[in-house]
Amino acid sequence: MEQDGRRILIIEDNVAFCKMLKIRLDSRGYRTQAATNGLEGLAAVRQFNPELVVTDILLPGLDGHKLCRMIKFDRNFKHIPVIVLTSRDLDADEEQAKRCGADAFIIKTTRAEIVIDVIEKLLAKTK
């Protein structure tokens, strides 16, 4: 599905994974920006004003759970869907992501279609 330049922020410290996801999203017409740590990601939320955030859990500076909580408890940004995308597949991580307000929890995969499908479903709810 071709997008109309909707803004997605990717917060991921794995440069190769971030680049792969960014390329896939850009090729679908999304406008993406990337941050490599939690503090940079929080600043990017404020400056880029994304329509959706994809974040890892294990990030330098500020982990993804705290970052998600900060986004969801800020009245200016709480409407932004947040996807926690992580290699950690522990039930406790998924439960904590939900408590922090995450809209989706996805185990990292090289199949970008899985991530893109969740992104498109969440963005469809915000149109």
C-alpha atoms as a PDB file:
ATOM      1  CA  MET A   1       0.000   0.000   0.000  1.00  0.00           C
ATOM      2  CA  GLU A   2       1.434   3.377  -1.023  1.00  0.00           C
ATOM      3  CA  GLN A   3       1.464   5.911   1.818  1.00  0.00           C
ATOM      4  CA  ASP A   4       1.114   9.666   1.628  1.00  0.00           C
ATOM      5  CA  GLY A   5       4.328  10.532   3.431  1.00  0.00           C
ATOM      6  CA  ARG A   6       3.160   9.586   6.913  1.00  0.00           C
ATOM      7  CA  ARG A   7       5.960  10.090   9.427  1.00  0.00           C
ATOM      8  CA  ILE A   8       7.488   7.123  11.254  1.00  0.00           C
ATOM      9  CA  LEU A   9      10.262   7.352  13.823  1.00  0.00           C
ATOM     10  CA  ILE A  10      12.500   4.290  14.225  1.00  0.00           C
ATOM     11  CA  ILE A  11      14.493   4.117  17.470  1.00  0.00           C
ATOM     12  CA  GLU A  12      16.977   1.287  17.108  1.00  0.00           C
ATOM     13  CA  ASP A  13      20.657   0.898  18.048  1.00  0.00           C
ATOM     14  CA  ASN A  14      21.267  -1.992  15.629  1.00  0.00           C
ATOM     15  CA  VAL A  15      22.353   0.057  12.601  1.00  0.00           C
ATOM     16  CA  ALA A  16      21.890  -2.742  10.038  1.00  0.00           C
ATOM     17  CA  PHE A  17      18.388  -3.618  11.246  1.00  0.00           C
ATOM     18  CA  CYS A  18      17.409   0.045  11.410  1.00  0.00           C
ATOM     19  CA  LYS A  19      18.652   0.651   7.863  1.00  0.00           C
ATOM     20  CA  MET A  20      16.761  -2.382   6.521  1.00  0.00           C
ATOM     21  CA  LEU A  21      13.507  -1.262   8.140  1.00  0.00           C
ATOM     22  CA  LYS A  22      14.004   2.349   7.031  1.00  0.00           C
ATOM     23  CA  ILE A  23      14.601   1.294   3.407  1.00  0.00           C
ATOM     24  CA  ARG A  24      11.479  -0.882   3.416  1.00  0.00           C
ATOM     25  CA  LEU A  25       9.311   1.874   4.871  1.00  0.00           C
ATOM     26  CA  ASP A  26      10.770   4.595   2.618  1.00  0.00           C
ATOM     27  CA  SER A  27      10.075   2.408  -0.437  1.00  0.00           C
ATOM     28  CA  ARG A  28       6.403   2.334   0.591  1.00  0.00           C
ATOM     29  CA  GLY A  29       6.180   6.115   0.699  1.00  0.00           C
ATOM     30  CA  TYR A  30       6.597   6.692   4.418  1.00  0.00           C
ATOM     31  CA  ARG A  31       8.796   9.531   5.658  1.00  0.00           C
ATOM     32  CA  THR A  32      11.140   8.006   8.207  1.00  0.00           C
ATOM     33  CA  GLN A  33      13.639   9.298  10.683  1.00  0.00           C
ATOM     34  CA  ALA A  34      15.952   7.172  12.811  1.00  0.00           C
ATOM     35  CA  ALA A  35      17.469   7.577  16.259  1.00  0.00           C
ATOM     36  CA  THR A  36      20.067   5.262  17.758  1.00  0.00           C
ATOM     37  CA  ASN A  37      19.382   5.738  21.477  1.00  0.00           C
ATOM     38  CA  GLY A  38      16.474   6.508  23.759  1.00  0.00           C
ATOM     39  CA  LEU A  39      17.343  10.118  24.556  1.00  0.00           C
ATOM     40  CA  GLU A  40      17.887  10.941  20.886  1.00  0.00           C
ATOM     41  CA  GLY A  41      14.589   9.177  20.171  1.00  0.00           C
ATOM     42  CA  LEU A  42      12.710  11.257  22.728  1.00  0.00           C
ATOM     43  CA  ALA A  43      14.141  14.457  21.227  1.00  0.00           C
ATOM     44  CA  ALA A  44      13.143  13.220  17.758  1.00  0.00           C
ATOM     45  CA  VAL A  45       9.552  12.639  18.921  1.00  0.00           C
ATOM     46  CA  ARG A  46       9.394  16.300  19.903  1.00  0.00           C
ATOM     47  CA  GLN A  47      11.068  17.614  16.725  1.00  0.00           C
ATOM     48  CA  PHE A  48       9.850  15.199  14.012  1.00  0.00           C
ATOM     49  CA  ASN A  49       6.323  14.804  15.449  1.00  0.00           C
ATOM     50  CA  PRO A  50       5.903  11.274  14.059  1.00  0.00           C
ATOM     51  CA  GLU A  51       2.583   9.605  13.436  1.00  0.00           C
ATOM     52  CA  LEU A  52       3.993   6.307  14.737  1.00  0.00           C
ATOM     53  CA  VAL A  53       7.079   5.223  16.706  1.00  0.00           C
ATOM     54  CA  VAL A  54       8.902   1.897  16.411  1.00  0.00           C
ATOM     55  CA  THR A  55      11.329   1.340  19.290  1.00  0.00           C
ATOM     56  CA  ASP A  56      13.648  -1.351  20.552  1.00  0.00           C
ATOM     57  CA  ILE A  57      13.699  -2.133  24.287  1.00  0.00           C
ATOM     58  CA  LEU A  58      17.451  -2.368  24.844  1.00  0.00           C
ATOM     59  CA  LEU A  59      18.675   1.120  23.980  1.00  0.00           C
ATOM     60  CA  PRO A  60      21.551   3.200  25.319  1.00  0.00           C
ATOM     61  CA  GLY A  61      20.612   6.170  27.495  1.00  0.00           C
ATOM     62  CA  LEU A  62      16.906   5.477  27.952  1.00  0.00           C
ATOM     63  CA  ASP A  63      15.381   2.047  27.408  1.00  0.00           C
ATOM     64  CA  GLY A  64      12.379   1.472  25.172  1.00  0.00           C
ATOM     65  CA  HIS A  65       9.971   0.832  28.060  1.00  0.00           C
ATOM     66  CA  LYS A  66      10.782   4.170  29.715  1.00  0.00           C
ATOM     67  CA  LEU A  67      10.703   5.922  26.352  1.00  0.00           C
ATOM     68  CA  CYS A  68       7.268   4.465  25.591  1.00  0.00           C
ATOM     69  CA  ARG A  69       5.990   5.527  29.022  1.00  0.00           C
ATOM     70  CA  MET A  70       7.298   9.070  28.491  1.00  0.00           C
ATOM     71  CA  ILE A  71       5.541   9.305  25.115  1.00  0.00           C
ATOM     72  CA  LYS A  72       2.263   7.843  26.365  1.00  0.00           C
ATOM     73  CA  PHE A  73       2.105   9.978  29.504  1.00  0.00           C
ATOM     74  CA  ASP A  74       2.781  13.242  27.644  1.00  0.00           C
ATOM     75  CA  ARG A  75      -0.520  14.866  26.667  1.00  0.00           C
ATOM     76  CA  ASN A  76       1.064  16.191  23.459  1.00  0.00           C
ATOM     77  CA  PHE A  77       2.187  12.772  22.240  1.00  0.00           C
ATOM     78  CA  LYS A  78      -0.005  10.145  23.930  1.00  0.00           C
ATOM     79  CA  HIS A  79      -2.031   9.699  20.721  1.00  0.00           C
ATOM     80  CA  ILE A  80       1.055   8.428  18.829  1.00  0.00           C
ATOM     81  CA  PRO A  81       1.003   4.635  18.400  1.00  0.00           C
ATOM     82  CA  VAL A  82       4.152   2.968  19.747  1.00  0.00           C
ATOM     83  CA  ILE A  83       5.398  -0.406  18.555  1.00  0.00           C
ATOM     84  CA  VAL A  84       7.964  -2.169  20.718  1.00  0.00           C
ATOM     85  CA  LEU A  85      10.135  -4.224  18.369  1.00  0.00           C
ATOM     86  CA  THR A  86      12.690  -6.353  20.181  1.00  0.00           C
ATOM     87  CA  SER A  87      14.766  -9.516  20.062  1.00  0.00           C
ATOM     88  CA  ARG A  88      13.712 -10.237  23.657  1.00  0.00           C
ATOM     89  CA  ASP A  89      10.825 -12.687  23.619  1.00  0.00           C
ATOM     90  CA  LEU A  90      10.110 -12.844  27.325  1.00  0.00           C
ATOM     91  CA  ASP A  91       6.475 -12.614  28.452  1.00  0.00           C
ATOM     92  CA  ALA A  92       7.594 -10.163  31.132  1.00  0.00           C
ATOM     93  CA  ASP A  93       8.884  -7.768  28.450  1.00  0.00           C
ATOM     94  CA  GLU A  94       5.598  -7.905  26.574  1.00  0.00           C
ATOM     95  CA  GLU A  95       3.635  -7.335  29.786  1.00  0.00           C
ATOM     96  CA  GLN A  96       5.844  -4.387  30.723  1.00  0.00           C
ATOM     97  CA  ALA A  97       5.470  -2.910  27.218  1.00  0.00           C
ATOM     98  CA  LYS A  98       1.682  -3.052  27.588  1.00  0.00           C
ATOM     99  CA  ARG A  99       1.860  -1.432  31.056  1.00  0.00           C
ATOM    100  CA  CYS A 100       3.962   1.358  29.520  1.00  0.00           C
ATOM    101  CA  GLY A 101       1.244   1.968  26.927  1.00  0.00           C
ATOM    102  CA  ALA A 102       2.713   0.215  23.876  1.00  0.00           C
ATOM    103  CA  ASP A 103       0.178  -0.377  21.124  1.00  0.00           C
ATOM    104  CA  ALA A 104       1.981  -3.467  19.800  1.00  0.00           C
ATOM    105  CA  PHE A 105       4.815  -5.814  20.782  1.00  0.00           C
ATOM    106  CA  ILE A 106       6.708  -7.573  17.978  1.00  0.00           C
ATOM    107  CA  ILE A 107       9.631  -9.970  18.170  1.00  0.00           C
ATOM    108  CA  LYS A 108      12.318  -8.843  15.699  1.00  0.00           C
ATOM    109  CA  THR A 109      12.218 -10.623  12.392  1.00  0.00           C
ATOM    110  CA  THR A 110      13.945 -10.195   9.046  1.00  0.00           C
ATOM    111  CA  ARG A 111      10.472 -10.369   7.467  1.00  0.00           C
ATOM    112  CA  ALA A 112       9.707  -6.666   7.309  1.00  0.00           C
ATOM    113  CA  GLU A 113       6.195  -7.426   6.029  1.00  0.00           C
ATOM    114  CA  ILE A 114       5.202  -8.496   9.552  1.00  0.00           C
ATOM    115  CA  VAL A 115       6.254  -5.138  10.985  1.00  0.00           C
ATOM    116  CA  ILE A 116       4.770  -3.185   8.071  1.00  0.00           C
ATOM    117  CA  ASP A 117       1.432  -4.980   8.477  1.00  0.00           C
ATOM    118  CA  VAL A 118       1.215  -3.911  12.150  1.00  0.00           C
ATOM    119  CA  ILE A 119       2.283  -0.352  11.231  1.00  0.00           C
ATOM    120  CA  GLU A 120      -0.418  -0.091   8.567  1.00  0.00           C
ATOM    121  CA  LYS A 121      -3.118  -1.416  10.895  1.00  0.00           C
ATOM    122  CA  LEU A 122      -2.186   1.065  13.636  1.00  0.00           C
ATOM    123  CA  LEU A 123      -1.971   3.987  11.215  1.00  0.00           C
ATOM    124  CA  ALA A 124      -5.337   3.084   9.698  1.00  0.00           C
ATOM    125  CA  LYS A 125      -6.885   3.680  13.130  1.00  0.00           C
ATOM    126  CA  THR A 126      -5.391   7.192  13.319  1.00  0.00           C
ATOM    127  CA  LYS A 127      -6.501   8.590   9.949  1.00  0.00           C
END
